Amino acid sequence: MIKAIPMSYKGTHFRSRLEARYAKALDGYEVKWVYEVEGYEYDGVLYLPDFYLPTMNVLLEVKGPTIPGVEKPANLRKLLESGAVAKVDWWNPEVLILVGDAAGNVSLAGSDERAPLAKCRKCRGYFFLAESHSFECRLCGAHDGDHHLEA
């Protein structure tokens, strides 16, 4: 296993360079993020999501190809969706729990479903779009099928 190399970016100390690269990329798309906002424990396993993206209600976990723990966000997603735990104050049924890899691919936790960044034609903001969820802009609520998205 390759050991992560800590790195700082804009005053935030990240556990890995990959996390810092994601923060920089999110900044490039003007996506607001908070690093390691709140941790969870379930079945004796501790989990601290890497990013919370408050404007689109997304948890984003970043994992390199040889880093263990990719099952943690999928387990959290299943746990929260089951209603077995009290919802935290920011949780709602439309929260997306995503996993990003070293190549920049983002998918829905626990699935192969991609969740690419999409740009809304109405508000011009970027948001993660999981195709099994709504095609509604997670920022402004615009919706007209998939035509409000730019490539």
Protein backbone atom coordinates (compact mmCIF):
# COMPACT_ATOMS: atom_id res chain seq x y z
CA MET A 1 0.00 0.00 0.00
CA ILE A 2 1.21 3.48 -0.85
CA LYS A 3 1.25 5.88 2.10
CA ALA A 4 -0.52 9.21 1.57
CA ILE A 5 1.60 12.36 1.68
CA PRO A 6 0.01 15.21 3.68
CA MET A 7 -0.27 18.60 1.96
CA SER A 8 -1.60 22.08 2.70
CA TYR A 9 -3.74 24.13 0.34
CA LYS A 10 -5.22 27.56 1.14
CA GLY A 11 -4.59 27.10 4.85
CA THR A 12 -6.23 23.67 5.08
CA HIS A 13 -4.05 20.69 6.01
CA PHE A 14 -5.06 17.64 3.98
CA ARG A 15 -4.14 14.05 4.74
CA SER A 16 -3.12 13.48 1.11
CA ARG A 17 -2.07 15.31 -2.03
CA LEU A 18 -5.06 13.78 -3.82
CA GLU A 19 -7.46 15.46 -1.38
CA ALA A 20 -5.66 18.79 -1.91
CA ARG A 21 -5.94 18.35 -5.71
CA TYR A 22 -9.68 17.76 -5.38
CA ALA A 23 -10.00 20.91 -3.23
CA LYS A 24 -8.15 22.90 -5.89
CA ALA A 25 -10.33 21.45 -8.66
CA LEU A 26 -13.51 22.23 -6.69
CA ASP A 27 -12.25 25.79 -6.24
CA GLY A 28 -11.68 25.98 -10.00
CA TYR A 29 -15.36 25.19 -10.53
CA GLU A 30 -16.33 27.61 -7.72
CA VAL A 31 -17.80 24.73 -5.68
CA LYS A 32 -17.85 25.51 -1.96
CA TRP A 33 -16.39 22.76 0.22
CA VAL A 34 -15.68 22.01 3.87
CA TYR A 35 -12.96 19.52 4.73
CA GLU A 36 -13.66 16.74 7.24
CA VAL A 37 -16.69 18.46 8.73
CA GLU A 38 -18.16 15.63 10.83
CA GLY A 39 -17.24 12.03 11.63
CA TYR A 40 -19.43 9.00 12.16
CA GLU A 41 -19.20 5.67 13.91
CA TYR A 42 -21.24 2.65 12.94
CA ASP A 43 -20.71 -1.01 13.79
CA GLY A 44 -17.54 0.04 15.59
CA VAL A 45 -16.05 1.56 12.42
CA LEU A 46 -15.00 5.22 12.41
CA TYR A 47 -15.54 7.23 9.24
CA LEU A 48 -14.68 10.85 8.50
CA PRO A 49 -15.84 11.96 5.01
CA ASP A 50 -13.25 14.07 3.19
CA PHE A 51 -15.51 16.83 1.88
CA TYR A 52 -18.95 18.22 2.50
CA LEU A 53 -20.21 20.41 -0.37
CA PRO A 54 -22.90 22.49 1.36
CA THR A 55 -24.43 24.24 -1.65
CA MET A 56 -25.32 20.91 -3.28
CA ASN A 57 -25.64 18.71 -0.14
CA VAL A 58 -22.93 16.24 -1.16
CA LEU A 59 -20.44 14.17 0.82
CA LEU A 60 -17.36 13.45 -1.29
CA GLU A 61 -14.80 10.81 -0.35
CA VAL A 62 -11.50 10.81 -2.25
CA LYS A 63 -9.58 7.55 -2.55
CA GLY A 64 -6.42 6.61 -4.39
CA PRO A 65 -6.24 3.24 -6.15
CA THR A 66 -4.52 1.38 -3.31
CA ILE A 67 -6.07 3.10 -0.31
CA PRO A 68 -8.38 0.90 1.81
CA GLY A 69 -11.70 2.14 3.11
CA VAL A 70 -13.65 2.73 -0.10
CA GLU A 71 -16.48 0.68 1.43
CA LYS A 72 -16.99 3.21 4.25
CA PRO A 73 -18.94 5.81 2.22
CA ALA A 74 -21.09 3.06 0.70
CA ASN A 75 -21.86 1.71 4.17
CA LEU A 76 -22.71 5.22 5.43
CA ARG A 77 -25.04 5.73 2.48
CA LYS A 78 -26.85 2.46 3.20
CA LEU A 79 -27.03 3.23 6.91
CA LEU A 80 -28.49 6.72 6.45
CA GLU A 81 -30.93 5.59 3.76
CA SER A 82 -32.18 2.80 6.02
CA GLY A 83 -33.23 5.29 8.70
CA ALA A 84 -31.43 3.17 11.32
CA VAL A 85 -29.65 6.22 12.74
CA ALA A 86 -30.89 9.67 13.61
CA LYS A 87 -30.37 12.07 10.75
CA VAL A 88 -27.71 14.70 11.35
CA ASP A 89 -28.79 18.32 10.99
CA TRP A 90 -27.67 18.73 7.37
CA TRP A 91 -28.98 15.37 6.17
CA ASN A 92 -31.94 15.05 3.85
CA PRO A 93 -32.96 12.19 1.54
CA GLU A 94 -31.33 13.89 -1.43
CA VAL A 95 -27.81 13.95 -0.04
CA LEU A 96 -25.35 12.33 -2.45
CA ILE A 97 -22.49 10.31 -1.04
CA LEU A 98 -19.85 10.15 -3.75
CA VAL A 99 -16.40 8.63 -4.17
CA GLY A 100 -13.73 10.29 -6.31
CA ASP A 101 -10.67 8.44 -7.59
CA ALA A 102 -7.16 9.50 -8.55
CA ALA A 103 -8.16 9.90 -12.21
CA GLY A 104 -10.88 12.40 -11.31
CA ASN A 105 -13.77 9.98 -11.85
CA VAL A 106 -16.62 10.46 -9.38
CA SER A 107 -19.31 7.85 -8.75
CA LEU A 108 -22.18 7.17 -6.38
CA ALA A 109 -20.84 5.41 -3.27
CA GLY A 110 -21.36 1.65 -3.44
CA SER A 111 -22.13 1.63 -7.16
CA ASP A 112 -20.56 1.96 -10.59
CA GLU A 113 -22.89 4.84 -11.43
CA ARG A 114 -20.93 7.90 -12.51
CA ALA A 115 -21.72 11.31 -11.03
CA PRO A 116 -20.02 13.84 -13.31
CA LEU A 117 -19.93 17.58 -12.77
CA ALA A 118 -22.66 19.25 -14.79
CA LYS A 119 -23.17 22.93 -15.47
CA CYS A 120 -26.62 24.45 -15.14
CA ARG A 121 -27.68 26.74 -17.99
CA LYS A 122 -29.85 28.81 -15.64
CA CYS A 123 -27.57 29.58 -12.67
CA ARG A 124 -24.27 28.75 -14.46
CA GLY A 125 -23.10 26.78 -11.41
CA TYR A 126 -21.52 23.33 -11.37
CA PHE A 127 -23.04 20.41 -9.47
CA PHE A 128 -22.59 16.64 -9.30
CA LEU A 129 -25.27 14.79 -11.25
CA ALA A 130 -26.08 11.19 -10.35
CA GLU A 131 -28.26 9.93 -13.19
CA SER A 132 -30.39 7.67 -10.97
CA HIS A 133 -31.39 10.78 -9.02
CA SER A 134 -33.10 13.89 -10.32
CA PHE A 135 -31.78 15.86 -13.29
CA GLU A 136 -32.71 18.95 -11.27
CA CYS A 137 -29.89 21.41 -10.63
CA ARG A 138 -28.76 20.85 -7.04
CA LEU A 139 -27.99 24.58 -6.74
CA CYS A 140 -31.00 26.46 -8.12
CA GLY A 141 -33.60 23.77 -8.78
CA ALA A 142 -33.80 24.34 -12.56
CA HIS A 143 -35.19 21.36 -14.42
CA ASP A 144 -36.22 20.69 -17.99
CA GLY A 145 -35.29 17.09 -18.59
CA ASP A 146 -31.57 16.96 -19.27
CA HIS A 147 -31.56 20.03 -21.53
CA HIS A 148 -30.52 22.49 -18.81
CA LEU A 149 -27.10 20.86 -18.65
CA GLU A 150 -24.10 21.96 -20.63
CA ALA A 151 -21.48 19.52 -21.82
